[in-house]
Protein backbone atom coordinates (compact mmCIF):
# COMPACT_ATOMS: atom_id res chain seq x y z
CA MET A 1 -10.09 15.44 28.53
CA SER A 2 -7.21 16.29 30.47
CA ARG A 3 -4.12 18.31 28.64
CA MET A 4 -1.96 15.54 29.45
CA GLN A 5 -4.65 13.01 27.67
CA TYR A 6 -4.74 15.43 24.86
CA ASP A 7 -0.99 15.82 24.38
CA THR A 8 -0.74 12.04 24.40
CA LEU A 9 -3.33 11.73 21.64
CA LEU A 10 -1.46 14.04 19.37
CA ASP A 11 1.52 12.40 19.91
CA LYS A 12 0.32 9.30 18.63
CA VAL A 13 -1.63 10.73 15.39
CA ARG A 14 1.50 13.25 15.05
CA HIS A 15 3.72 10.52 12.84
CA LEU A 16 0.92 10.49 10.60
CA ASN A 17 1.80 13.34 8.94
CA PRO A 18 5.38 13.57 6.90
CA GLU A 19 7.75 15.80 9.17
CA ASN A 20 10.23 16.39 6.51
CA ARG A 21 10.15 17.77 3.11
CA GLU A 22 13.05 16.85 0.41
CA VAL A 23 14.12 20.32 -1.53
CA LEU A 24 14.49 19.11 -4.94
CA ASP A 25 17.11 20.89 -7.51
CA SER A 26 15.58 20.51 -10.80
CA PRO A 27 12.26 18.94 -11.91
CA TYR A 28 14.53 17.18 -14.39
CA THR A 29 16.42 15.41 -12.04
CA ILE A 30 13.48 13.65 -10.07
CA SER A 31 12.61 10.03 -10.89
CA ASN A 32 8.89 9.13 -12.00
CA GLU A 33 8.11 7.90 -8.83
CA GLU A 34 9.06 11.12 -7.04
CA TYR A 35 7.07 12.90 -10.01
CA HIS A 36 3.81 10.63 -9.25
CA THR A 37 4.09 11.44 -5.52
CA LEU A 38 4.30 15.08 -6.21
CA THR A 39 1.85 15.67 -8.82
CA SER A 40 -0.97 13.01 -6.56
CA VAL A 41 -2.49 15.60 -4.28
CA VAL A 42 -5.26 14.50 -1.66
CA HIS A 43 -7.59 17.02 -3.67
CA ASP A 44 -7.29 15.45 -7.35
CA VAL A 45 -8.28 12.08 -6.35
CA GLY A 46 -10.44 11.84 -9.72
CA GLY A 47 -7.63 10.90 -11.57
CA GLU A 48 -6.92 7.64 -9.52
CA THR A 49 -7.51 3.90 -10.67
CA ASP A 50 -10.49 2.56 -8.95
CA TRP A 51 -13.35 0.41 -10.12
CA PRO A 52 -17.00 1.50 -9.88
CA GLN A 53 -19.07 1.77 -6.64
CA PRO A 54 -22.56 0.76 -6.30
CA TYR A 55 -24.66 3.86 -5.34
CA LEU A 56 -26.37 2.82 -1.86
CA PRO A 57 -28.18 5.57 0.07
CA LYS A 58 -27.14 5.85 3.47
CA GLY A 59 -28.72 8.66 5.83
CA GLU A 60 -26.80 10.40 8.22
CA THR A 61 -26.33 9.08 11.93
CA GLU A 62 -27.07 11.83 14.58
CA TRP A 63 -22.84 12.63 15.12
CA GLU A 64 -22.56 13.22 11.10
CA MET A 65 -25.51 15.59 11.45
CA ASN A 66 -24.38 17.33 14.47
CA THR A 67 -21.38 17.59 12.56
CA TYR A 68 -22.45 19.08 9.59
CA LEU A 69 -24.98 21.43 11.55
CA THR A 70 -21.67 22.49 13.93
CA CYS A 71 -19.37 23.42 10.82
CA GLU A 72 -22.28 25.53 8.97
CA CYS A 73 -22.59 27.32 12.16
CA LEU A 74 -18.81 28.01 12.08
CA GLY A 75 -19.04 29.32 8.90
CA TRP A 76 -22.36 31.43 9.49
CA ARG A 77 -20.53 32.91 12.18
CA GLY A 78 -17.50 33.93 10.18
CA ALA A 79 -14.85 31.15 11.64
CA TRP A 80 -14.22 29.50 8.14
CA ASN A 81 -15.75 28.60 5.13
CA SER A 82 -16.24 25.78 2.81
CA GLU A 83 -13.10 26.55 1.01
CA MET A 84 -11.30 26.71 4.31
CA ARG A 85 -12.67 23.65 5.30
CA ARG A 86 -11.71 21.73 2.36
CA ARG A 87 -8.19 23.32 2.40
CA ALA A 88 -8.13 22.33 5.71
CA GLU A 89 -9.06 18.76 4.87
CA ASN A 90 -6.50 18.50 2.13
CA ASP A 91 -3.58 19.62 4.34
CA LEU A 92 -4.15 16.26 6.79
CA GLY A 93 -2.47 14.13 4.28
CA LYS A 94 -3.39 11.07 2.61
CA THR A 95 -3.39 8.74 5.80
CA GLN A 96 -5.61 10.94 7.78
CA TYR A 97 -7.82 11.98 4.99
CA TYR A 98 -8.48 8.64 3.89
CA GLY A 99 -8.10 7.04 7.33
CA MET A 100 -11.20 9.05 8.78
CA PRO A 101 -14.90 8.98 7.68
CA TYR A 102 -16.12 12.05 5.47
CA TYR A 103 -17.58 14.30 8.71
CA GLY A 104 -14.73 12.88 10.98
CA ARG A 105 -12.58 14.61 8.68
CA TRP A 106 -15.00 17.90 9.02
CA ILE A 107 -14.84 17.70 12.69
CA THR A 108 -11.00 17.32 13.28
CA VAL A 109 -10.45 20.38 10.99
CA ALA A 110 -12.98 22.48 12.84
CA ALA A 111 -11.41 21.75 16.15
CA LYS A 112 -7.89 22.45 14.44
CA THR A 113 -9.17 25.56 13.18
CA LEU A 114 -10.98 26.95 16.32
CA VAL A 115 -7.75 26.08 18.30
CA ASN A 116 -5.13 27.49 15.41
CA LYS A 117 -7.00 30.95 15.02
CA GLY A 118 -7.07 31.12 19.41
CA LEU A 119 -11.19 30.93 19.51
CA LEU A 120 -10.55 27.82 21.40
CA THR A 121 -7.90 26.33 23.84
CA THR A 122 -7.15 22.92 23.75
CA ASP A 123 -8.55 22.78 27.43
CA GLU A 124 -11.73 24.14 26.41
CA LEU A 125 -11.70 21.84 23.32
CA GLY A 126 -11.31 18.91 25.66
CA LYS A 127 -13.55 20.00 28.34
CA LYS A 128 -16.61 20.36 26.07
CA ILE A 129 -15.23 16.83 24.41
CA ASP A 130 -15.70 15.33 27.77
CA GLU A 131 -19.07 17.00 28.28
CA VAL A 132 -20.53 15.79 25.20
CA ARG A 133 -19.03 12.25 25.59
CA GLU A 134 -20.84 12.13 29.57
CA ARG A 135 -24.07 13.38 27.63
CA LEU A 136 -24.71 10.92 25.15
CA GLU A 137 -23.14 7.92 27.61
CA SER A 138 -25.95 9.20 29.97
CA LYS A 139 -28.69 8.41 26.92
């Protein structure tokens, strides 16, 4: 993946995160809708209205298991820990959080963390993605 391809992809998903924040003067002057928005954060999904979901056993696919192992190795090598991963997932925002599969969020925040910490450049990440894609397509 070239830098231009990466930037194009980034431009496509950038609109999913809110870019501006409204500063509120006082908690007494906000509407009920604003209050609900402020108190409904991604990491508090347990209190949201939903219906019971049947438990269906599901085995992990190869990419899911590889993602899990990669993220565990990153923790083992000190790049992050599970709390940092969870926080980074919450920071994706509701649109991306709910729009990705479980391990999709893991690998997305792993890539963001590695780039943000300077452990990997976007060019290196893109080249590795291309390398893995070619390897998987040749199977």
